[in-house]
């Protein structure tokens, strides 16, 4: 945003929540902004006024949809409806990657079907985006890494989810190594994938980082 003074807020939209709508939700998993007291005070005024209708959302224009009363609704109300061209939509395949289906139809044999949730004729399938190009991930459809879910099915979503989970465990391992630890646990469940930090499927199978944090054991 530094090179464009009018831009306050870059964000990815959420096409899963409300496809085809003119004003789409802001995905609540990613936020980047430049502090601005004037903008903050305007947000405060909007919330205090509380003009949110049951059938129309904020200002009767944006919503209702999941999360629309809070972050996912008030952000697009401000930046898409009240103050257009002061924010930029980020590529959701790169930022806040969720490995979601971009179309309303089913995906069979890695082939998508149905209309694009973006109302466009063509839309990128984020599940095909190379891992090396992903900056951040939102573990929702993929489930949280600490559920120790292998995601080993040969379908497009699980293939990407498995890669994203593996990177999460790699980062955990790298962190522990900076503390003088091995970074590898003694769990035998898909140990190469989970770096030994899973003893079985599910949250109970996950081995949390041991205290004291930041120190060698």
N, C-alpha and C. Protein backbone atom coordinates (compact mmCIF):
# COMPACT_ATOMS: atom_id res chain seq x y z
N UNK A 1 0.80 -1.20 0.00
CA UNK A 1 0.00 0.00 0.00
C UNK A 1 0.84 1.26 0.00
N UNK A 2 2.11 1.18 0.32
CA UNK A 2 2.91 2.40 0.49
C UNK A 2 3.00 3.23 -0.78
N UNK A 3 2.94 2.59 -1.93
CA UNK A 3 3.07 3.32 -3.18
C UNK A 3 1.75 3.89 -3.68
N UNK A 4 0.68 3.58 -3.00
CA UNK A 4 -0.64 4.07 -3.40
C UNK A 4 -1.35 4.66 -2.19
N UNK A 5 -1.20 5.96 -1.93
CA UNK A 5 -1.71 6.58 -0.72
C UNK A 5 -3.20 6.40 -0.49
N UNK A 6 -3.99 6.20 -1.55
CA UNK A 6 -5.43 6.07 -1.35
C UNK A 6 -5.83 4.68 -0.89
N UNK A 7 -4.94 3.72 -0.97
CA UNK A 7 -5.28 2.35 -0.59
C UNK A 7 -5.03 2.14 0.90
N UNK A 8 -6.07 1.69 1.58
CA UNK A 8 -5.95 1.46 3.00
C UNK A 8 -5.93 -0.03 3.35
N UNK A 9 -6.55 -0.84 2.51
CA UNK A 9 -6.80 -2.20 2.95
C UNK A 9 -6.76 -3.21 1.81
N UNK A 10 -5.69 -4.03 1.72
CA UNK A 10 -5.71 -5.14 0.77
C UNK A 10 -6.32 -6.38 1.42
N UNK A 11 -7.21 -7.06 0.71
CA UNK A 11 -7.86 -8.23 1.29
C UNK A 11 -8.32 -9.19 0.21
N UNK A 12 -8.44 -10.49 0.55
CA UNK A 12 -9.04 -11.45 -0.38
C UNK A 12 -10.53 -11.55 -0.08
N UNK A 13 -11.35 -11.82 -1.11
CA UNK A 13 -12.77 -11.99 -0.89
C UNK A 13 -13.05 -13.46 -0.60
N UNK A 14 -14.26 -13.74 -0.12
CA UNK A 14 -14.66 -15.10 0.21
C UNK A 14 -15.80 -15.49 -0.72
N UNK A 15 -15.50 -16.24 -1.76
CA UNK A 15 -16.52 -16.63 -2.73
C UNK A 15 -17.35 -17.81 -2.25
N UNK A 16 -16.88 -18.53 -1.24
CA UNK A 16 -17.63 -19.68 -0.76
C UNK A 16 -18.88 -19.25 -0.01
N UNK A 17 -18.76 -18.14 0.74
CA UNK A 17 -19.85 -17.72 1.61
C UNK A 17 -21.04 -17.20 0.82
N UNK A 18 -20.81 -16.35 -0.17
CA UNK A 18 -21.92 -15.72 -0.88
C UNK A 18 -21.59 -15.55 -2.36
N UNK A 19 -21.66 -16.63 -3.12
CA UNK A 19 -21.38 -16.49 -4.56
C UNK A 19 -22.45 -15.68 -5.26
N UNK A 20 -22.05 -15.03 -6.33
CA UNK A 20 -22.94 -14.28 -7.24
C UNK A 20 -23.39 -12.93 -6.71
N UNK A 21 -23.19 -12.61 -5.45
CA UNK A 21 -23.59 -11.32 -4.92
C UNK A 21 -22.66 -10.22 -5.43
N UNK A 22 -23.21 -9.02 -5.59
CA UNK A 22 -22.40 -7.89 -6.03
C UNK A 22 -21.35 -7.55 -4.99
N UNK A 23 -21.77 -7.44 -3.73
CA UNK A 23 -20.84 -7.13 -2.65
C UNK A 23 -20.55 -8.41 -1.88
N UNK A 24 -19.33 -8.91 -2.04
CA UNK A 24 -18.95 -10.19 -1.45
C UNK A 24 -18.28 -10.01 -0.10
N UNK A 25 -18.29 -11.05 0.71
CA UNK A 25 -17.64 -10.97 2.02
C UNK A 25 -16.13 -10.79 1.88
N UNK A 26 -15.56 -10.14 2.85
CA UNK A 26 -14.10 -10.10 2.97
C UNK A 26 -13.71 -11.34 3.77
N UNK A 27 -12.75 -12.10 3.29
CA UNK A 27 -12.32 -13.30 4.00
C UNK A 27 -11.66 -12.90 5.31
N UNK A 28 -12.22 -13.37 6.41
CA UNK A 28 -11.76 -12.96 7.73
C UNK A 28 -10.42 -13.52 8.15
N UNK A 29 -9.82 -14.39 7.33
CA UNK A 29 -8.56 -14.99 7.73
C UNK A 29 -7.33 -14.17 7.40
N UNK A 30 -7.50 -13.05 6.70
CA UNK A 30 -6.32 -12.27 6.30
C UNK A 30 -6.67 -10.79 6.34
N UNK A 31 -5.80 -10.00 6.93
CA UNK A 31 -6.01 -8.56 7.02
C UNK A 31 -4.68 -7.84 6.94
N UNK A 32 -4.60 -6.89 6.04
CA UNK A 32 -3.42 -6.02 5.95
C UNK A 32 -3.93 -4.60 5.75
N UNK A 33 -3.48 -3.69 6.58
CA UNK A 33 -3.99 -2.33 6.47
C UNK A 33 -2.94 -1.32 6.89
N UNK A 34 -3.21 -0.07 6.53
CA UNK A 34 -2.39 1.04 6.98
C UNK A 34 -3.21 1.84 7.97
N UNK A 35 -2.75 2.02 9.20
CA UNK A 35 -3.53 2.74 10.21
C UNK A 35 -3.92 4.13 9.73
N UNK A 36 -5.17 4.49 9.98
CA UNK A 36 -5.67 5.81 9.60
C UNK A 36 -6.75 6.18 10.61
N UNK A 37 -6.50 7.18 11.42
CA UNK A 37 -7.43 7.55 12.49
C UNK A 37 -8.79 7.98 11.95
N UNK A 38 -8.80 8.66 10.81
CA UNK A 38 -10.06 9.10 10.22
C UNK A 38 -10.91 7.89 9.83
N UNK A 39 -10.27 6.91 9.21
CA UNK A 39 -10.98 5.70 8.80
C UNK A 39 -11.49 4.95 10.03
N UNK A 40 -10.64 4.86 11.04
CA UNK A 40 -11.02 4.17 12.28
C UNK A 40 -12.26 4.81 12.89
N UNK A 41 -12.27 6.13 12.97
CA UNK A 41 -13.40 6.83 13.58
C UNK A 41 -14.68 6.63 12.77
N UNK A 42 -14.52 6.53 11.44
CA UNK A 42 -15.70 6.30 10.62
C UNK A 42 -16.26 4.90 10.85
N UNK A 43 -15.37 3.94 11.03
CA UNK A 43 -15.81 2.59 11.38
C UNK A 43 -16.57 2.60 12.71
N UNK A 44 -16.04 3.32 13.67
CA UNK A 44 -16.70 3.42 14.98
C UNK A 44 -18.10 4.01 14.83
N UNK A 45 -18.22 5.04 14.01
CA UNK A 45 -19.53 5.67 13.79
C UNK A 45 -20.51 4.70 13.14
N UNK A 46 -20.01 3.91 12.19
CA UNK A 46 -20.86 2.93 11.50
C UNK A 46 -21.40 1.90 12.48
N UNK A 47 -20.51 1.41 13.33
CA UNK A 47 -20.91 0.39 14.31
C UNK A 47 -21.90 0.98 15.31
N UNK A 48 -21.64 2.19 15.77
CA UNK A 48 -22.53 2.82 16.76
C UNK A 48 -23.90 3.12 16.16
N UNK A 49 -23.94 3.50 14.90
CA UNK A 49 -25.22 3.72 14.25
C UNK A 49 -25.98 2.41 14.12
N UNK A 50 -25.24 1.35 13.79
CA UNK A 50 -25.85 0.02 13.76
C UNK A 50 -26.87 -0.19 12.67
N UNK A 51 -26.68 0.43 11.51
CA UNK A 51 -27.63 0.26 10.42
C UNK A 51 -27.36 -1.07 9.71
N UNK A 52 -27.87 -2.13 10.29
CA UNK A 52 -27.72 -3.48 9.73
C UNK A 52 -29.10 -4.10 9.69
N UNK A 53 -29.59 -4.38 8.49
CA UNK A 53 -30.94 -4.91 8.36
C UNK A 53 -30.93 -6.42 8.16
N UNK A 54 -32.00 -7.06 8.55
CA UNK A 54 -32.09 -8.51 8.48
C UNK A 54 -31.95 -9.03 7.06
N UNK A 55 -32.56 -8.34 6.11
CA UNK A 55 -32.53 -8.83 4.73
C UNK A 55 -31.48 -8.19 3.85
N UNK A 56 -30.86 -7.07 4.33
CA UNK A 56 -29.93 -6.35 3.47
C UNK A 56 -28.55 -6.14 4.03
N UNK A 57 -28.34 -6.48 5.29
CA UNK A 57 -27.01 -6.32 5.88
C UNK A 57 -26.67 -4.87 6.18
N UNK A 58 -25.38 -4.54 6.12
CA UNK A 58 -24.91 -3.19 6.45
C UNK A 58 -25.45 -2.17 5.46
N UNK A 59 -26.08 -1.14 6.01
CA UNK A 59 -26.65 -0.09 5.17
C UNK A 59 -27.74 -0.61 4.26
N UNK A 60 -28.21 -1.83 4.53
CA UNK A 60 -29.20 -2.46 3.66
C UNK A 60 -28.63 -2.87 2.32
N UNK A 61 -27.28 -2.91 2.22
CA UNK A 61 -26.62 -3.18 0.94
C UNK A 61 -25.69 -4.38 0.95
N UNK A 62 -24.98 -4.59 2.04
CA UNK A 62 -23.94 -5.63 2.08
C UNK A 62 -24.30 -6.69 3.12
N UNK A 63 -24.73 -7.84 2.64
CA UNK A 63 -25.15 -8.94 3.49
C UNK A 63 -26.62 -9.27 3.20
N UNK A 64 -27.22 -10.12 4.04
CA UNK A 64 -26.55 -10.86 5.11
C UNK A 64 -25.87 -12.12 4.57
N UNK A 65 -24.81 -12.54 5.25
CA UNK A 65 -24.12 -13.78 4.96
C UNK A 65 -23.32 -14.15 6.20
N UNK A 66 -22.69 -15.29 6.17
CA UNK A 66 -21.94 -15.74 7.34
C UNK A 66 -20.87 -14.72 7.71
N UNK A 67 -20.91 -14.25 8.95
CA UNK A 67 -19.93 -13.28 9.42
C UNK A 67 -20.21 -11.85 9.00
N UNK A 68 -21.39 -11.61 8.39
CA UNK A 68 -21.64 -10.28 7.84
C UNK A 68 -21.85 -9.20 8.90
N UNK A 69 -22.28 -9.57 10.09
CA UNK A 69 -22.47 -8.57 11.13
C UNK A 69 -21.14 -8.06 11.67
N UNK A 70 -20.09 -8.81 11.43
CA UNK A 70 -18.78 -8.44 11.96
C UNK A 70 -17.80 -8.14 10.83
N UNK A 71 -16.60 -8.61 10.97
CA UNK A 71 -15.50 -8.29 10.06
C UNK A 71 -15.83 -8.55 8.60
N UNK A 72 -16.36 -9.74 8.31
CA UNK A 72 -16.53 -10.14 6.91
C UNK A 72 -17.57 -9.31 6.17
N UNK A 73 -18.40 -8.58 6.91
CA UNK A 73 -19.41 -7.75 6.27
C UNK A 73 -19.10 -6.27 6.30
N UNK A 74 -18.59 -5.79 7.44
CA UNK A 74 -18.38 -4.35 7.56
C UNK A 74 -17.21 -3.88 6.70
N UNK A 75 -16.22 -4.72 6.47
CA UNK A 75 -15.08 -4.33 5.62
C UNK A 75 -15.53 -4.09 4.18
N UNK A 76 -16.24 -5.03 3.53
CA UNK A 76 -16.69 -4.73 2.17
C UNK A 76 -17.73 -3.62 2.12
N UNK A 77 -18.51 -3.45 3.18
CA UNK A 77 -19.46 -2.33 3.20
C UNK A 77 -18.70 -1.01 3.12
N UNK A 78 -17.62 -0.91 3.85
CA UNK A 78 -16.85 0.33 3.87
C UNK A 78 -16.07 0.52 2.57
N UNK A 79 -15.33 -0.51 2.16
CA UNK A 79 -14.40 -0.34 1.05
C UNK A 79 -15.00 -0.61 -0.33
N UNK A 80 -16.08 -1.39 -0.39
CA UNK A 80 -16.69 -1.66 -1.70
C UNK A 80 -17.89 -0.76 -1.97
N UNK A 81 -18.65 -0.44 -0.91
CA UNK A 81 -19.86 0.35 -1.10
C UNK A 81 -19.66 1.84 -0.77
N UNK A 82 -19.18 2.14 0.45
CA UNK A 82 -19.04 3.53 0.85
C UNK A 82 -17.84 4.22 0.21
N UNK A 83 -16.71 3.52 0.13
CA UNK A 83 -15.48 4.14 -0.37
C UNK A 83 -14.80 3.24 -1.39
N UNK A 84 -15.39 3.05 -2.55
CA UNK A 84 -14.76 2.20 -3.58
C UNK A 84 -13.44 2.79 -4.05
N UNK A 85 -12.57 1.92 -4.53
CA UNK A 85 -11.25 2.29 -5.07
C UNK A 85 -10.26 2.76 -4.01
N UNK A 86 -10.54 2.46 -2.75
CA UNK A 86 -9.57 2.76 -1.69
C UNK A 86 -8.96 1.47 -1.12
N UNK A 87 -9.28 0.36 -1.73
CA UNK A 87 -8.71 -0.92 -1.30
C UNK A 87 -8.47 -1.76 -2.53
N UNK A 88 -7.71 -2.82 -2.38
CA UNK A 88 -7.40 -3.69 -3.51
C UNK A 88 -7.68 -5.14 -3.11
N UNK A 89 -8.29 -5.86 -4.02
CA UNK A 89 -8.55 -7.28 -3.78
C UNK A 89 -7.30 -8.09 -4.10
N UNK A 90 -6.85 -8.88 -3.17
CA UNK A 90 -5.68 -9.73 -3.37
C UNK A 90 -6.07 -11.04 -4.04
N UNK A 91 -5.10 -11.67 -4.65
CA UNK A 91 -5.32 -12.97 -5.26
C UNK A 91 -5.44 -14.01 -4.15
N UNK A 92 -6.63 -14.55 -4.00
CA UNK A 92 -6.89 -15.48 -2.89
C UNK A 92 -6.19 -16.82 -3.08
N UNK A 93 -5.63 -17.07 -4.25
CA UNK A 93 -4.87 -18.29 -4.45
C UNK A 93 -3.45 -18.15 -3.88
N UNK A 94 -3.03 -16.92 -3.68
CA UNK A 94 -1.70 -16.64 -3.15
C UNK A 94 -1.77 -16.25 -1.68
N UNK A 95 -2.71 -15.37 -1.36
CA UNK A 95 -2.89 -14.92 0.02
C UNK A 95 -4.15 -15.54 0.60
N UNK A 96 -3.99 -16.17 1.77
CA UNK A 96 -5.14 -16.78 2.44
C UNK A 96 -5.69 -17.97 1.64
N UNK A 97 -4.81 -18.73 1.05
CA UNK A 97 -5.17 -19.90 0.24
C UNK A 97 -5.99 -20.88 1.10
N UNK A 98 -7.16 -21.27 0.58
CA UNK A 98 -8.03 -22.18 1.33
C UNK A 98 -8.28 -23.50 0.61
N UNK A 99 -7.74 -23.66 -0.59
CA UNK A 99 -7.95 -24.89 -1.36
C UNK A 99 -9.43 -25.15 -1.60
N UNK A 100 -10.16 -24.10 -1.96
CA UNK A 100 -11.60 -24.22 -2.16
C UNK A 100 -11.95 -24.35 -3.64
N UNK A 101 -13.13 -24.87 -3.88
CA UNK A 101 -13.64 -25.04 -5.23
C UNK A 101 -14.13 -23.68 -5.76
N UNK A 102 -13.63 -23.20 -6.89
CA UNK A 102 -14.03 -21.88 -7.38
C UNK A 102 -15.39 -21.87 -8.07
N UNK A 103 -15.97 -23.03 -8.29
CA UNK A 103 -17.25 -23.12 -8.99
C UNK A 103 -18.31 -23.79 -8.11
N UNK A 104 -19.55 -23.65 -8.50
CA UNK A 104 -20.64 -24.15 -7.67
C UNK A 104 -20.89 -25.65 -7.87
N UNK A 105 -20.39 -26.21 -8.96
CA UNK A 105 -20.58 -27.63 -9.22
C UNK A 105 -19.51 -28.49 -8.56
N UNK A 106 -19.69 -29.79 -8.66
CA UNK A 106 -18.74 -30.73 -8.09
C UNK A 106 -17.47 -30.81 -8.94
N UNK A 107 -16.39 -31.23 -8.29
CA UNK A 107 -15.14 -31.49 -9.00
C UNK A 107 -14.99 -33.00 -9.13
N UNK A 108 -14.94 -33.49 -10.34
CA UNK A 108 -14.82 -34.92 -10.58
C UNK A 108 -13.57 -35.18 -11.41
N UNK A 109 -12.69 -36.04 -10.91
CA UNK A 109 -11.43 -36.33 -11.59
C UNK A 109 -10.65 -35.04 -11.88
N UNK A 110 -10.65 -34.17 -10.90
CA UNK A 110 -9.92 -32.88 -10.96
C UNK A 110 -10.51 -31.90 -11.97
N UNK A 111 -11.67 -32.19 -12.53
CA UNK A 111 -12.31 -31.30 -13.49
C UNK A 111 -13.47 -30.57 -12.81
N UNK A 112 -13.42 -29.25 -12.81
CA UNK A 112 -14.45 -28.46 -12.14
C UNK A 112 -15.67 -28.30 -13.05
N UNK A 113 -16.80 -27.97 -12.43
CA UNK A 113 -18.02 -27.79 -13.20
C UNK A 113 -18.89 -26.71 -12.55
N UNK A 114 -19.79 -26.15 -13.32
CA UNK A 114 -20.69 -25.14 -12.79
C UNK A 114 -20.16 -23.73 -13.00
N UNK A 115 -20.97 -22.77 -12.61
CA UNK A 115 -20.61 -21.37 -12.77
C UNK A 115 -19.56 -20.94 -11.75
N UNK A 116 -18.78 -19.94 -12.15
CA UNK A 116 -17.80 -19.37 -11.24
C UNK A 116 -18.51 -18.62 -10.12
N UNK A 117 -18.04 -18.78 -8.91
CA UNK A 117 -18.62 -18.07 -7.77
C UNK A 117 -18.34 -16.57 -7.83
N UNK A 118 -17.42 -16.18 -8.70
CA UNK A 118 -17.06 -14.77 -8.84
C UNK A 118 -17.92 -14.02 -9.85
N UNK A 119 -18.85 -14.73 -10.47
CA UNK A 119 -19.68 -14.16 -11.54
C UNK A 119 -18.90 -13.95 -12.84
N UNK A 120 -17.68 -14.43 -12.91
CA UNK A 120 -16.87 -14.29 -14.12
C UNK A 120 -17.05 -15.53 -15.00
N UNK A 121 -16.68 -15.39 -16.27
CA UNK A 121 -16.75 -16.54 -17.18
C UNK A 121 -15.69 -17.57 -16.84
N UNK A 122 -14.51 -17.09 -16.45
CA UNK A 122 -13.42 -17.97 -16.07
C UNK A 122 -12.91 -17.60 -14.68
N UNK A 123 -12.51 -18.59 -13.92
CA UNK A 123 -11.99 -18.33 -12.57
C UNK A 123 -10.92 -19.37 -12.24
N UNK A 124 -9.88 -18.92 -11.62
CA UNK A 124 -8.77 -19.80 -11.30
C UNK A 124 -9.14 -20.81 -10.22
N UNK A 125 -8.71 -22.03 -10.40
CA UNK A 125 -8.87 -23.05 -9.37
C UNK A 125 -7.64 -22.98 -8.48
N UNK A 126 -7.79 -22.41 -7.29
CA UNK A 126 -6.65 -22.22 -6.39
C UNK A 126 -6.00 -23.53 -5.99
N UNK A 127 -6.73 -24.61 -6.11
CA UNK A 127 -6.19 -25.91 -5.73
C UNK A 127 -5.09 -26.36 -6.67
N UNK A 128 -5.01 -25.72 -7.84
CA UNK A 128 -3.96 -26.05 -8.81
C UNK A 128 -2.76 -25.11 -8.72
N UNK A 129 -2.83 -24.14 -7.84
CA UNK A 129 -1.73 -23.18 -7.70
C UNK A 129 -0.51 -23.88 -7.09
N UNK A 130 0.67 -23.72 -7.69
CA UNK A 130 1.89 -24.35 -7.14
C UNK A 130 2.15 -23.88 -5.71
N UNK A 131 2.55 -24.79 -4.87
CA UNK A 131 2.80 -24.47 -3.46
C UNK A 131 3.81 -23.34 -3.31
N UNK A 132 4.80 -23.30 -4.19
CA UNK A 132 5.86 -22.30 -4.08
C UNK A 132 5.34 -20.87 -4.24
N UNK A 133 4.16 -20.72 -4.81
CA UNK A 133 3.60 -19.39 -5.04
C UNK A 133 2.64 -18.95 -3.93
N UNK A 134 2.35 -19.84 -3.01
CA UNK A 134 1.42 -19.52 -1.91
C UNK A 134 2.17 -18.78 -0.81
N UNK A 135 1.65 -17.61 -0.43
CA UNK A 135 2.28 -16.80 0.62
C UNK A 135 1.71 -17.16 1.99
N UNK A 136 0.40 -17.33 2.09
CA UNK A 136 -0.22 -17.68 3.37
C UNK A 136 -1.41 -18.59 3.12
N UNK A 137 -1.73 -19.41 4.10
CA UNK A 137 -2.82 -20.37 3.99
C UNK A 137 -3.80 -20.19 5.14
N UNK A 138 -5.05 -20.50 4.85
CA UNK A 138 -6.12 -20.45 5.85
C UNK A 138 -6.63 -21.87 6.02
N UNK A 139 -6.34 -22.48 7.16
CA UNK A 139 -6.69 -23.88 7.37
C UNK A 139 -8.12 -24.00 7.84
N UNK A 140 -9.03 -24.04 6.85
CA UNK A 140 -10.45 -24.22 7.16
C UNK A 140 -10.96 -25.48 6.46
N UNK A 141 -11.01 -25.50 5.15
CA UNK A 141 -11.39 -26.71 4.43
C UNK A 141 -10.35 -27.81 4.62
N UNK A 142 -9.10 -27.42 4.68
CA UNK A 142 -8.02 -28.40 4.87
C UNK A 142 -8.00 -28.96 6.29
N UNK A 143 -8.72 -28.31 7.19
CA UNK A 143 -8.68 -28.63 8.62
C UNK A 143 -7.34 -28.17 9.22
N UNK A 144 -7.33 -28.04 10.53
CA UNK A 144 -6.14 -27.56 11.22
C UNK A 144 -5.04 -28.63 11.20
N UNK A 145 -3.80 -28.22 11.04
CA UNK A 145 -2.70 -29.20 10.98
C UNK A 145 -2.64 -30.10 12.22
N UNK A 146 -2.98 -29.55 13.38
CA UNK A 146 -2.88 -30.32 14.62
C UNK A 146 -4.02 -31.32 14.81
N UNK A 147 -4.85 -31.50 13.78
CA UNK A 147 -5.80 -32.61 13.81
C UNK A 147 -5.16 -33.88 13.27
N UNK A 148 -3.92 -33.74 12.80
CA UNK A 148 -3.16 -34.90 12.31
C UNK A 148 -3.94 -35.68 11.26
N UNK A 149 -4.52 -34.95 10.33
CA UNK A 149 -5.27 -35.55 9.23
C UNK A 149 -4.34 -35.74 8.04
N UNK A 150 -4.13 -36.96 7.59
CA UNK A 150 -3.14 -37.21 6.53
C UNK A 150 -3.44 -36.51 5.20
N UNK A 151 -4.72 -36.30 4.87
CA UNK A 151 -5.08 -35.69 3.59
C UNK A 151 -4.35 -36.41 2.44
N UNK A 152 -4.44 -37.71 2.44
CA UNK A 152 -3.67 -38.50 1.48
C UNK A 152 -4.51 -39.07 0.34
N UNK A 153 -5.73 -38.54 0.17
CA UNK A 153 -6.54 -38.99 -0.96
C UNK A 153 -6.04 -38.37 -2.25
N UNK A 154 -6.20 -39.08 -3.34
CA UNK A 154 -5.71 -38.59 -4.63
C UNK A 154 -6.78 -37.74 -5.30
N UNK A 155 -7.14 -36.64 -4.63
CA UNK A 155 -8.06 -35.67 -5.20
C UNK A 155 -7.42 -34.30 -5.08
N UNK A 156 -7.82 -33.37 -5.92
CA UNK A 156 -7.11 -32.10 -6.07
C UNK A 156 -7.00 -31.32 -4.76
N UNK A 157 -8.08 -31.29 -3.98
CA UNK A 157 -8.05 -30.53 -2.73
C UNK A 157 -7.09 -31.14 -1.72
N UNK A 158 -7.18 -32.46 -1.55
CA UNK A 158 -6.34 -33.11 -0.55
C UNK A 158 -4.86 -33.07 -0.92
N UNK A 159 -4.57 -33.10 -2.20
CA UNK A 159 -3.16 -33.04 -2.59
C UNK A 159 -2.54 -31.71 -2.14
N UNK A 160 -3.27 -30.62 -2.33
CA UNK A 160 -2.75 -29.33 -1.90
C UNK A 160 -2.77 -29.22 -0.38
N UNK A 161 -3.83 -29.66 0.26
CA UNK A 161 -3.91 -29.60 1.72
C UNK A 161 -2.76 -30.35 2.37
N UNK A 162 -2.41 -31.49 1.82
CA UNK A 162 -1.31 -32.27 2.38
C UNK A 162 0.00 -31.48 2.29
N UNK A 163 0.21 -30.81 1.16
CA UNK A 163 1.42 -30.01 1.01
C UNK A 163 1.43 -28.85 2.00
N UNK A 164 0.29 -28.20 2.18
CA UNK A 164 0.21 -27.08 3.11
C UNK A 164 0.45 -27.53 4.54
N UNK A 165 -0.14 -28.66 4.91
CA UNK A 165 0.08 -29.19 6.26
C UNK A 165 1.55 -29.54 6.48
N UNK A 166 2.15 -30.13 5.47
CA UNK A 166 3.56 -30.51 5.59
C UNK A 166 4.43 -29.27 5.82
N UNK A 167 4.10 -28.18 5.15
CA UNK A 167 4.85 -26.94 5.34
C UNK A 167 4.66 -26.40 6.75
N UNK A 168 3.46 -26.53 7.28
CA UNK A 168 3.20 -26.08 8.65
C UNK A 168 4.08 -26.84 9.65
N UNK A 169 4.15 -28.14 9.47
CA UNK A 169 4.98 -28.95 10.37
C UNK A 169 6.46 -28.67 10.15
N UNK A 170 6.83 -28.36 8.91
CA UNK A 170 8.23 -27.98 8.66
C UNK A 170 8.58 -26.70 9.40
N UNK A 171 7.67 -25.72 9.37
CA UNK A 171 7.91 -24.46 10.06
C UNK A 171 8.00 -24.69 11.57
N UNK A 172 7.13 -25.55 12.10
CA UNK A 172 7.23 -25.89 13.52
C UNK A 172 8.58 -26.51 13.83
N UNK A 173 9.02 -27.41 12.97
CA UNK A 173 10.31 -28.06 13.17
C UNK A 173 11.45 -27.04 13.13
N UNK A 174 11.40 -26.13 12.15
CA UNK A 174 12.43 -25.10 12.05
C UNK A 174 12.47 -24.23 13.30
N UNK A 175 11.30 -23.90 13.83
CA UNK A 175 11.23 -23.09 15.05
C UNK A 175 11.92 -23.79 16.20
N UNK A 176 11.59 -25.06 16.41
CA UNK A 176 12.18 -25.79 17.53
C UNK A 176 13.68 -25.96 17.36
N UNK A 177 14.13 -26.07 16.12
CA UNK A 177 15.57 -26.20 15.89
C UNK A 177 16.31 -24.92 16.30
N UNK A 178 15.65 -23.77 16.14
CA UNK A 178 16.29 -22.52 16.58
C UNK A 178 16.44 -22.47 18.09
N UNK A 179 15.69 -23.33 18.79
CA UNK A 179 15.79 -23.41 20.26
C UNK A 179 16.81 -24.46 20.70
N UNK A 180 17.46 -25.07 19.71
CA UNK A 180 18.43 -26.10 20.04
C UNK A 180 17.85 -27.49 20.15
N UNK A 181 16.64 -27.67 19.68
CA UNK A 181 16.01 -28.99 19.71
C UNK A 181 16.15 -29.66 18.35
N UNK A 182 15.79 -30.93 18.30
CA UNK A 182 15.93 -31.67 17.05
C UNK A 182 14.88 -31.26 16.02
N UNK A 183 13.72 -30.83 16.50
CA UNK A 183 12.65 -30.45 15.59
C UNK A 183 11.86 -31.63 15.07
N UNK A 184 12.19 -32.82 15.56
CA UNK A 184 11.51 -34.04 15.13
C UNK A 184 11.00 -34.78 16.36
N UNK A 185 9.73 -35.18 16.32
CA UNK A 185 9.15 -35.91 17.43
C UNK A 185 9.32 -37.42 17.28
N UNK A 186 8.76 -38.15 18.25
CA UNK A 186 8.88 -39.62 18.22
C UNK A 186 7.60 -40.30 17.76
N UNK A 187 6.65 -39.53 17.25
CA UNK A 187 5.42 -40.11 16.74
C UNK A 187 5.66 -40.92 15.48
N UNK A 188 4.96 -42.04 15.36
CA UNK A 188 5.17 -42.94 14.23
C UNK A 188 4.08 -42.81 13.16
N UNK A 189 3.08 -41.98 13.41
CA UNK A 189 1.97 -41.86 12.47
C UNK A 189 2.37 -40.95 11.32
N UNK A 190 2.56 -41.54 10.14
CA UNK A 190 2.95 -40.77 8.95
C UNK A 190 4.10 -39.81 9.32
N UNK A 191 5.12 -40.38 9.92
CA UNK A 191 6.16 -39.59 10.58
C UNK A 191 6.93 -38.65 9.65
N UNK A 192 7.18 -39.06 8.43
CA UNK A 192 7.90 -38.18 7.51
C UNK A 192 7.08 -36.93 7.18
N UNK A 193 5.79 -37.14 7.07
CA UNK A 193 4.90 -36.01 6.73
C UNK A 193 4.72 -35.06 7.92
N UNK A 194 4.52 -35.64 9.11
CA UNK A 194 4.24 -34.82 10.30
C UNK A 194 5.49 -34.54 11.14
N UNK A 195 6.64 -34.88 10.65
CA UNK A 195 7.90 -34.66 11.38
C UNK A 195 7.87 -35.31 12.77
N UNK A 196 7.13 -36.41 12.88
CA UNK A 196 7.09 -37.14 14.15
C UNK A 196 6.24 -36.49 15.22
N UNK A 197 5.42 -35.51 14.86
CA UNK A 197 4.63 -34.80 15.86
C UNK A 197 3.19 -35.29 15.94
N UNK A 198 2.91 -36.42 15.29
CA UNK A 198 1.58 -37.02 15.38
C UNK A 198 1.73 -38.50 15.75
N UNK A 199 1.00 -38.92 16.78
CA UNK A 199 1.02 -40.31 17.21
C UNK A 199 -0.20 -41.07 16.72
N UNK A 200 -1.15 -40.34 16.15
CA UNK A 200 -2.36 -40.94 15.61
C UNK A 200 -3.23 -39.86 15.01
N UNK A 201 -4.28 -40.28 14.38
CA UNK A 201 -5.20 -39.34 13.74
C UNK A 201 -6.03 -38.59 14.79
N UNK A 202 -6.30 -37.31 14.54
CA UNK A 202 -7.12 -36.52 15.45
C UNK A 202 -6.29 -35.68 16.41
N UNK A 203 -6.98 -34.76 17.10
CA UNK A 203 -6.28 -33.84 18.01
C UNK A 203 -5.55 -34.58 19.12
N UNK A 204 -6.12 -35.68 19.57
CA UNK A 204 -5.48 -36.43 20.65
C UNK A 204 -4.16 -37.05 20.21
N UNK A 205 -4.00 -37.20 18.91
CA UNK A 205 -2.77 -37.78 18.42
C UNK A 205 -1.65 -36.77 18.24
N UNK A 206 -1.96 -35.50 18.38
CA UNK A 206 -0.98 -34.44 18.16
C UNK A 206 -0.10 -34.23 19.39
N UNK A 207 1.19 -34.11 19.16
CA UNK A 207 2.15 -33.84 20.24
C UNK A 207 2.47 -32.35 20.24
N UNK A 208 1.99 -31.64 21.23
CA UNK A 208 2.21 -30.19 21.32
C UNK A 208 3.67 -29.87 21.60
N UNK A 209 4.05 -28.65 21.31
CA UNK A 209 5.40 -28.20 21.63
C UNK A 209 5.59 -28.20 23.15
N UNK A 210 6.65 -28.79 23.59
CA UNK A 210 6.89 -28.91 25.03
C UNK A 210 7.48 -27.63 25.61
N UNK A 211 7.02 -27.30 26.80
CA UNK A 211 7.63 -26.20 27.54
C UNK A 211 8.94 -26.68 28.16
N UNK A 212 9.86 -25.76 28.46
CA UNK A 212 9.77 -24.31 28.32
C UNK A 212 10.00 -23.89 26.87
N UNK A 213 9.16 -22.98 26.40
CA UNK A 213 9.28 -22.50 25.03
C UNK A 213 10.56 -21.65 24.88
N UNK A 214 11.19 -21.80 23.72
CA UNK A 214 12.37 -21.01 23.44
C UNK A 214 13.65 -21.56 24.04
N UNK A 215 13.58 -22.76 24.61
CA UNK A 215 14.77 -23.33 25.25
C UNK A 215 14.97 -24.76 24.80
N UNK A 216 16.20 -25.20 24.89
CA UNK A 216 16.53 -26.59 24.56
C UNK A 216 16.05 -27.49 25.68
N UNK A 217 15.61 -28.69 25.32
CA UNK A 217 15.15 -29.64 26.33
C UNK A 217 16.31 -30.45 26.91
